[in-house]
């Protein structure tokens, strides 16, 4: 099996069986974003305690890239500090821009690196990450 095929399988697995889909309680930090250029939508919720992402959930609709990225992101940030989640977000954005990154840091998210070849799809892949950044900025726990 070729590496590109393996990446496609990872993306489709997260699209067909999304992780951390659903909602949290009303006291969770909530962000609702839409990508007007393609219609992707995401509603992201974070539960942050003592600077740690204790839980994260999302609901949304959109293409396989958008929903897979959201699913993988929620798995990757759960249990991390808000600062580490934001660092991962920056690394993911760099990957989407075609920059050299440490793929070991990204784990399964590496499977989305091919999206960088399709500029119109980058917004799809980064929508959930934009929601994360907005949610994190409202926690008041980000170190400047």
N, C-alpha and C. Protein backbone atom coordinates (compact mmCIF):
# COMPACT_ATOMS: atom_id res chain seq x y z
N UNK A 1 0.84 -1.18 0.00
CA UNK A 1 0.00 0.00 0.00
C UNK A 1 0.89 1.25 0.00
N UNK A 2 0.56 2.17 -0.87
CA UNK A 2 1.33 3.40 -0.96
C UNK A 2 0.93 4.36 0.16
N UNK A 3 1.85 5.25 0.49
CA UNK A 3 1.63 6.18 1.58
C UNK A 3 0.42 7.08 1.32
N UNK A 4 0.26 7.57 0.09
CA UNK A 4 -0.90 8.42 -0.22
C UNK A 4 -2.21 7.69 0.01
N UNK A 5 -2.25 6.41 -0.30
CA UNK A 5 -3.46 5.61 -0.09
C UNK A 5 -3.74 5.47 1.41
N UNK A 6 -2.69 5.26 2.19
CA UNK A 6 -2.84 5.17 3.64
C UNK A 6 -3.39 6.48 4.20
N UNK A 7 -2.86 7.61 3.72
CA UNK A 7 -3.36 8.91 4.17
C UNK A 7 -4.83 9.08 3.82
N UNK A 8 -5.22 8.69 2.61
CA UNK A 8 -6.63 8.78 2.22
C UNK A 8 -7.51 7.94 3.14
N UNK A 9 -7.01 6.77 3.52
CA UNK A 9 -7.78 5.91 4.42
C UNK A 9 -7.96 6.55 5.79
N UNK A 10 -6.90 7.18 6.30
CA UNK A 10 -6.99 7.86 7.61
C UNK A 10 -8.02 8.99 7.53
N UNK A 11 -7.95 9.78 6.47
CA UNK A 11 -8.89 10.89 6.30
C UNK A 11 -10.33 10.37 6.22
N UNK A 12 -10.56 9.34 5.43
CA UNK A 12 -11.91 8.81 5.27
C UNK A 12 -12.41 8.16 6.56
N UNK A 13 -11.52 7.54 7.31
CA UNK A 13 -11.92 6.94 8.59
C UNK A 13 -12.43 8.02 9.54
N UNK A 14 -11.72 9.13 9.62
CA UNK A 14 -12.15 10.22 10.49
C UNK A 14 -13.42 10.89 9.97
N UNK A 15 -13.59 10.91 8.66
CA UNK A 15 -14.80 11.50 8.08
C UNK A 15 -16.02 10.62 8.34
N UNK A 16 -15.86 9.32 8.17
CA UNK A 16 -16.98 8.39 8.33
C UNK A 16 -17.27 8.07 9.80
N UNK A 17 -16.24 8.12 10.65
CA UNK A 17 -16.41 7.84 12.09
C UNK A 17 -15.71 8.93 12.89
N UNK A 18 -16.27 10.13 12.88
CA UNK A 18 -15.61 11.25 13.56
C UNK A 18 -15.49 11.02 15.06
N UNK A 19 -14.36 11.41 15.58
CA UNK A 19 -14.10 11.33 17.02
C UNK A 19 -14.54 12.62 17.67
N UNK A 20 -15.00 12.52 18.90
CA UNK A 20 -15.35 13.68 19.72
C UNK A 20 -16.44 14.54 19.10
N UNK A 21 -17.34 13.91 18.40
CA UNK A 21 -18.47 14.64 17.81
C UNK A 21 -19.57 14.74 18.86
N UNK A 22 -20.21 15.88 18.93
CA UNK A 22 -21.29 16.09 19.88
C UNK A 22 -21.16 17.44 20.55
N UNK A 23 -21.78 17.58 21.71
CA UNK A 23 -21.74 18.84 22.43
C UNK A 23 -21.39 18.62 23.88
N UNK A 24 -20.91 19.67 24.50
CA UNK A 24 -20.60 19.68 25.93
C UNK A 24 -21.64 20.54 26.64
N UNK A 25 -21.48 20.71 27.92
CA UNK A 25 -22.42 21.51 28.69
C UNK A 25 -22.37 22.98 28.28
N UNK A 26 -23.36 23.71 28.71
CA UNK A 26 -23.48 25.12 28.34
C UNK A 26 -22.33 25.98 28.84
N UNK A 27 -21.62 25.53 29.88
CA UNK A 27 -20.52 26.35 30.39
C UNK A 27 -19.21 26.14 29.64
N UNK A 28 -19.24 25.33 28.59
CA UNK A 28 -18.06 25.14 27.75
C UNK A 28 -17.83 26.38 26.89
N UNK A 29 -16.59 26.60 26.53
CA UNK A 29 -16.26 27.68 25.59
C UNK A 29 -16.73 27.21 24.22
N UNK A 30 -17.51 28.03 23.54
CA UNK A 30 -18.12 27.64 22.27
C UNK A 30 -17.78 28.63 21.17
N UNK A 31 -17.48 28.08 20.00
CA UNK A 31 -17.20 28.90 18.82
C UNK A 31 -17.92 28.28 17.63
N UNK A 32 -18.59 29.11 16.88
CA UNK A 32 -19.33 28.69 15.70
C UNK A 32 -18.73 29.41 14.50
N UNK A 33 -18.18 28.66 13.54
CA UNK A 33 -17.54 29.26 12.37
C UNK A 33 -18.09 28.65 11.09
N UNK A 34 -18.07 29.47 10.04
CA UNK A 34 -18.48 29.01 8.72
C UNK A 34 -17.45 29.46 7.70
N UNK A 35 -17.27 28.65 6.69
CA UNK A 35 -16.42 29.01 5.57
C UNK A 35 -17.35 29.37 4.42
N UNK A 36 -17.59 30.65 4.19
CA UNK A 36 -18.58 31.05 3.18
C UNK A 36 -18.20 30.64 1.76
N UNK A 37 -16.92 30.41 1.50
CA UNK A 37 -16.52 30.06 0.14
C UNK A 37 -16.92 28.65 -0.26
N UNK A 38 -17.10 27.77 0.74
CA UNK A 38 -17.47 26.39 0.38
C UNK A 38 -18.65 25.84 1.18
N UNK A 39 -19.05 26.54 2.23
CA UNK A 39 -20.20 26.10 3.01
C UNK A 39 -19.88 25.24 4.22
N UNK A 40 -18.60 24.94 4.47
CA UNK A 40 -18.25 24.16 5.66
C UNK A 40 -18.66 24.94 6.91
N UNK A 41 -19.12 24.20 7.93
CA UNK A 41 -19.52 24.79 9.20
C UNK A 41 -18.97 23.95 10.34
N UNK A 42 -18.58 24.62 11.42
CA UNK A 42 -18.15 23.90 12.60
C UNK A 42 -18.61 24.64 13.85
N UNK A 43 -19.03 23.87 14.82
CA UNK A 43 -19.37 24.37 16.15
C UNK A 43 -18.45 23.62 17.09
N UNK A 44 -17.49 24.31 17.69
CA UNK A 44 -16.47 23.70 18.54
C UNK A 44 -16.69 24.11 19.98
N UNK A 45 -16.54 23.16 20.89
CA UNK A 45 -16.65 23.45 22.32
C UNK A 45 -15.43 22.88 23.04
N UNK A 46 -14.90 23.68 23.96
CA UNK A 46 -13.76 23.29 24.79
C UNK A 46 -14.11 23.40 26.26
N UNK A 47 -13.67 22.45 27.03
CA UNK A 47 -13.70 22.55 28.49
C UNK A 47 -12.24 22.67 28.91
N UNK A 48 -11.90 23.82 29.47
CA UNK A 48 -10.52 24.10 29.89
C UNK A 48 -10.50 24.27 31.39
N UNK A 49 -9.60 23.52 32.05
CA UNK A 49 -9.41 23.64 33.50
C UNK A 49 -7.93 23.75 33.77
N UNK A 50 -7.56 24.77 34.51
CA UNK A 50 -6.16 25.01 34.87
C UNK A 50 -5.25 25.00 33.65
N UNK A 51 -5.73 25.58 32.55
CA UNK A 51 -4.92 25.69 31.34
C UNK A 51 -4.81 24.44 30.50
N UNK A 52 -5.59 23.40 30.85
CA UNK A 52 -5.56 22.12 30.14
C UNK A 52 -6.89 21.89 29.43
N UNK A 53 -6.81 21.43 28.18
CA UNK A 53 -8.03 21.08 27.44
C UNK A 53 -8.51 19.74 27.99
N UNK A 54 -9.49 19.81 28.89
CA UNK A 54 -10.00 18.59 29.53
C UNK A 54 -10.93 17.82 28.60
N UNK A 55 -11.69 18.54 27.78
CA UNK A 55 -12.57 17.87 26.84
C UNK A 55 -12.82 18.81 25.67
N UNK A 56 -13.16 18.23 24.54
CA UNK A 56 -13.42 18.99 23.33
C UNK A 56 -14.41 18.20 22.49
N UNK A 57 -15.36 18.91 21.91
CA UNK A 57 -16.37 18.30 21.04
C UNK A 57 -16.63 19.22 19.87
N UNK A 58 -17.13 18.64 18.79
CA UNK A 58 -17.51 19.46 17.65
C UNK A 58 -18.73 18.87 16.98
N UNK A 59 -19.43 19.75 16.31
CA UNK A 59 -20.51 19.39 15.39
C UNK A 59 -20.23 20.18 14.13
N UNK A 60 -20.65 19.64 13.03
CA UNK A 60 -20.44 20.41 11.81
C UNK A 60 -20.92 19.68 10.59
N UNK A 61 -20.76 20.37 9.49
CA UNK A 61 -21.06 19.77 8.20
C UNK A 61 -20.07 20.35 7.20
N UNK A 62 -19.73 19.54 6.25
CA UNK A 62 -18.79 20.00 5.25
C UNK A 62 -18.12 18.83 4.56
N UNK A 63 -17.08 19.15 3.85
CA UNK A 63 -16.37 18.16 3.05
C UNK A 63 -15.56 17.23 3.95
N UNK A 64 -15.04 16.18 3.36
CA UNK A 64 -14.27 15.19 4.10
C UNK A 64 -13.02 15.81 4.72
N UNK A 65 -12.40 16.76 4.04
CA UNK A 65 -11.19 17.40 4.58
C UNK A 65 -11.52 18.19 5.83
N UNK A 66 -12.57 18.98 5.78
CA UNK A 66 -12.96 19.82 6.91
C UNK A 66 -13.33 18.97 8.14
N UNK A 67 -14.18 17.99 7.94
CA UNK A 67 -14.65 17.19 9.07
C UNK A 67 -13.56 16.26 9.60
N UNK A 68 -12.72 15.73 8.72
CA UNK A 68 -11.61 14.88 9.16
C UNK A 68 -10.61 15.69 9.97
N UNK A 69 -10.31 16.89 9.50
CA UNK A 69 -9.38 17.75 10.22
C UNK A 69 -9.92 18.07 11.62
N UNK A 70 -11.21 18.34 11.72
CA UNK A 70 -11.82 18.62 13.03
C UNK A 70 -11.71 17.41 13.95
N UNK A 71 -11.99 16.24 13.43
CA UNK A 71 -11.92 15.01 14.21
C UNK A 71 -10.50 14.76 14.70
N UNK A 72 -9.53 14.87 13.79
CA UNK A 72 -8.14 14.64 14.17
C UNK A 72 -7.65 15.69 15.16
N UNK A 73 -8.07 16.94 14.95
CA UNK A 73 -7.66 18.01 15.85
C UNK A 73 -8.15 17.73 17.28
N UNK A 74 -9.42 17.34 17.41
CA UNK A 74 -9.95 17.11 18.75
C UNK A 74 -9.18 16.01 19.47
N UNK A 75 -8.81 14.97 18.74
CA UNK A 75 -8.00 13.91 19.35
C UNK A 75 -6.63 14.42 19.76
N UNK A 76 -6.04 15.25 18.91
CA UNK A 76 -4.68 15.71 19.14
C UNK A 76 -4.57 16.69 20.31
N UNK A 77 -5.61 17.49 20.57
CA UNK A 77 -5.48 18.53 21.61
C UNK A 77 -6.02 18.11 22.97
N UNK A 78 -6.83 17.09 23.01
CA UNK A 78 -7.42 16.68 24.30
C UNK A 78 -6.31 16.27 25.26
N UNK A 79 -6.31 16.90 26.44
CA UNK A 79 -5.31 16.60 27.45
C UNK A 79 -4.07 17.48 27.36
N UNK A 80 -3.96 18.27 26.31
CA UNK A 80 -2.82 19.18 26.17
C UNK A 80 -3.13 20.51 26.85
N UNK A 81 -2.06 21.22 27.15
CA UNK A 81 -2.25 22.58 27.64
C UNK A 81 -2.76 23.42 26.48
N UNK A 82 -3.43 24.52 26.81
CA UNK A 82 -3.90 25.44 25.78
C UNK A 82 -2.72 25.93 24.96
N UNK A 83 -1.61 26.24 25.62
CA UNK A 83 -0.42 26.71 24.90
C UNK A 83 0.08 25.66 23.92
N UNK A 84 0.12 24.40 24.35
CA UNK A 84 0.59 23.33 23.45
C UNK A 84 -0.39 23.10 22.30
N UNK A 85 -1.68 23.24 22.57
CA UNK A 85 -2.68 23.10 21.51
C UNK A 85 -2.49 24.20 20.47
N UNK A 86 -2.18 25.41 20.93
CA UNK A 86 -1.96 26.52 20.00
C UNK A 86 -0.65 26.35 19.22
N UNK A 87 0.36 25.79 19.85
CA UNK A 87 1.61 25.49 19.13
C UNK A 87 1.35 24.46 18.04
N UNK A 88 0.55 23.46 18.36
CA UNK A 88 0.20 22.45 17.36
C UNK A 88 -0.58 23.09 16.22
N UNK A 89 -1.45 24.02 16.56
CA UNK A 89 -2.21 24.73 15.54
C UNK A 89 -1.28 25.48 14.60
N UNK A 90 -0.27 26.13 15.16
CA UNK A 90 0.70 26.86 14.34
C UNK A 90 1.47 25.90 13.43
N UNK A 91 1.88 24.76 13.95
CA UNK A 91 2.58 23.77 13.15
C UNK A 91 1.69 23.26 12.03
N UNK A 92 0.43 23.01 12.33
CA UNK A 92 -0.52 22.56 11.32
C UNK A 92 -0.65 23.61 10.22
N UNK A 93 -0.78 24.87 10.59
CA UNK A 93 -0.90 25.96 9.60
C UNK A 93 0.35 26.02 8.71
N UNK A 94 1.51 25.85 9.33
CA UNK A 94 2.75 25.85 8.56
C UNK A 94 2.76 24.71 7.55
N UNK A 95 2.28 23.54 7.97
CA UNK A 95 2.19 22.41 7.05
C UNK A 95 1.25 22.74 5.90
N UNK A 96 0.12 23.39 6.20
CA UNK A 96 -0.84 23.75 5.16
C UNK A 96 -0.26 24.76 4.16
N UNK A 97 0.74 25.51 4.60
CA UNK A 97 1.40 26.48 3.73
C UNK A 97 2.59 25.86 2.98
N UNK A 98 2.78 24.55 3.17
CA UNK A 98 3.85 23.85 2.47
C UNK A 98 5.22 24.01 3.10
N UNK A 99 5.26 24.52 4.32
CA UNK A 99 6.53 24.70 5.01
C UNK A 99 7.00 23.38 5.61
N UNK A 100 8.29 23.26 5.85
CA UNK A 100 8.85 22.08 6.49
C UNK A 100 8.43 22.08 7.96
N UNK A 101 7.90 20.96 8.40
CA UNK A 101 7.49 20.81 9.80
C UNK A 101 7.94 19.45 10.30
N UNK A 102 7.91 19.29 11.61
CA UNK A 102 8.23 18.01 12.24
C UNK A 102 6.97 17.15 12.23
N UNK A 103 6.91 16.19 11.31
CA UNK A 103 5.72 15.36 11.18
C UNK A 103 5.48 14.50 12.42
N UNK A 104 6.53 14.19 13.18
CA UNK A 104 6.34 13.41 14.41
C UNK A 104 5.44 14.16 15.39
N UNK A 105 5.55 15.48 15.40
CA UNK A 105 4.74 16.31 16.28
C UNK A 105 3.27 16.25 15.88
N UNK A 106 2.99 16.05 14.59
CA UNK A 106 1.62 16.10 14.08
C UNK A 106 0.87 14.79 14.18
N UNK A 107 1.55 13.67 14.26
CA UNK A 107 0.87 12.38 14.32
C UNK A 107 -0.01 12.17 13.10
N UNK A 108 -1.25 11.73 13.31
CA UNK A 108 -2.19 11.47 12.21
C UNK A 108 -2.47 12.69 11.34
N UNK A 109 -2.30 13.86 11.90
CA UNK A 109 -2.55 15.09 11.14
C UNK A 109 -1.67 15.18 9.90
N UNK A 110 -0.56 14.46 9.91
CA UNK A 110 0.32 14.43 8.74
C UNK A 110 -0.44 13.97 7.50
N UNK A 111 -1.47 13.16 7.69
CA UNK A 111 -2.22 12.64 6.55
C UNK A 111 -2.88 13.75 5.74
N UNK A 112 -3.01 14.94 6.31
CA UNK A 112 -3.62 16.07 5.61
C UNK A 112 -2.60 16.95 4.88
N UNK A 113 -1.32 16.57 4.91
CA UNK A 113 -0.31 17.45 4.32
C UNK A 113 -0.49 17.64 2.82
N UNK A 114 -1.09 16.69 2.13
CA UNK A 114 -1.32 16.82 0.70
C UNK A 114 -2.29 17.94 0.34
N UNK A 115 -3.07 18.39 1.30
CA UNK A 115 -4.02 19.48 1.07
C UNK A 115 -3.28 20.75 0.64
N UNK A 116 -2.05 20.90 1.08
CA UNK A 116 -1.26 22.09 0.74
C UNK A 116 -1.13 22.28 -0.76
N UNK A 117 -1.28 21.21 -1.52
CA UNK A 117 -1.18 21.28 -2.99
C UNK A 117 -2.43 21.88 -3.61
N UNK A 118 -3.49 22.04 -2.83
CA UNK A 118 -4.78 22.52 -3.33
C UNK A 118 -5.21 23.74 -2.52
N UNK A 119 -4.76 24.92 -2.92
CA UNK A 119 -5.03 26.13 -2.12
C UNK A 119 -6.49 26.34 -1.75
N UNK A 120 -7.41 25.97 -2.61
CA UNK A 120 -8.83 26.16 -2.30
C UNK A 120 -9.28 25.28 -1.13
N UNK A 121 -8.57 24.21 -0.87
CA UNK A 121 -8.96 23.28 0.20
C UNK A 121 -8.31 23.60 1.55
N UNK A 122 -7.32 24.49 1.53
CA UNK A 122 -6.64 24.83 2.78
C UNK A 122 -7.61 25.42 3.79
N UNK A 123 -8.55 26.25 3.33
CA UNK A 123 -9.55 26.81 4.24
C UNK A 123 -10.39 25.72 4.87
N UNK A 124 -10.66 24.66 4.12
CA UNK A 124 -11.43 23.53 4.65
C UNK A 124 -10.65 22.87 5.80
N UNK A 125 -9.38 22.62 5.57
CA UNK A 125 -8.55 21.93 6.55
C UNK A 125 -8.30 22.76 7.80
N UNK A 126 -8.30 24.08 7.66
CA UNK A 126 -7.95 24.94 8.80
C UNK A 126 -9.15 25.51 9.56
N UNK A 127 -10.36 25.24 9.11
CA UNK A 127 -11.54 25.82 9.76
C UNK A 127 -11.61 25.44 11.25
N UNK A 128 -11.45 24.18 11.56
CA UNK A 128 -11.51 23.74 12.96
C UNK A 128 -10.40 24.38 13.79
N UNK A 129 -9.25 24.55 13.17
CA UNK A 129 -8.11 25.15 13.87
C UNK A 129 -8.37 26.63 14.14
N UNK A 130 -9.04 27.31 13.23
CA UNK A 130 -9.42 28.70 13.47
C UNK A 130 -10.38 28.78 14.65
N UNK A 131 -11.30 27.83 14.71
CA UNK A 131 -12.24 27.79 15.84
C UNK A 131 -11.49 27.55 17.15
N UNK A 132 -10.51 26.65 17.13
CA UNK A 132 -9.69 26.40 18.31
C UNK A 132 -9.00 27.68 18.77
N UNK A 133 -8.40 28.40 17.83
CA UNK A 133 -7.68 29.62 18.19
C UNK A 133 -8.63 30.66 18.79
N UNK A 134 -9.81 30.78 18.23
CA UNK A 134 -10.80 31.73 18.80
C UNK A 134 -11.24 31.29 20.19
N UNK A 135 -11.49 30.00 20.35
CA UNK A 135 -11.91 29.49 21.66
C UNK A 135 -10.81 29.70 22.69
N UNK A 136 -9.58 29.42 22.29
CA UNK A 136 -8.45 29.56 23.22
C UNK A 136 -8.25 31.01 23.63
N UNK A 137 -8.48 31.92 22.71
CA UNK A 137 -8.29 33.33 23.04
C UNK A 137 -9.32 33.82 24.06
N UNK A 138 -10.44 33.11 24.16
CA UNK A 138 -11.47 33.52 25.12
C UNK A 138 -11.29 32.86 26.48
N UNK A 139 -10.30 31.98 26.63
CA UNK A 139 -10.10 31.32 27.93
C UNK A 139 -9.44 32.24 28.94
N UNK A 140 -8.70 33.23 28.44
CA UNK A 140 -7.98 34.09 29.37
C UNK A 140 -6.77 33.41 29.98
N UNK A 141 -6.45 32.20 29.50
CA UNK A 141 -5.35 31.44 30.08
C UNK A 141 -4.16 31.36 29.12
N UNK A 142 -4.18 32.13 28.05
CA UNK A 142 -3.09 32.08 27.09
C UNK A 142 -1.99 33.01 27.56
N UNK A 143 -0.76 32.50 27.56
CA UNK A 143 0.37 33.31 27.93
C UNK A 143 0.83 34.11 26.72
N UNK A 144 1.03 35.38 26.91
CA UNK A 144 1.50 36.24 25.81
C UNK A 144 2.99 36.37 25.86
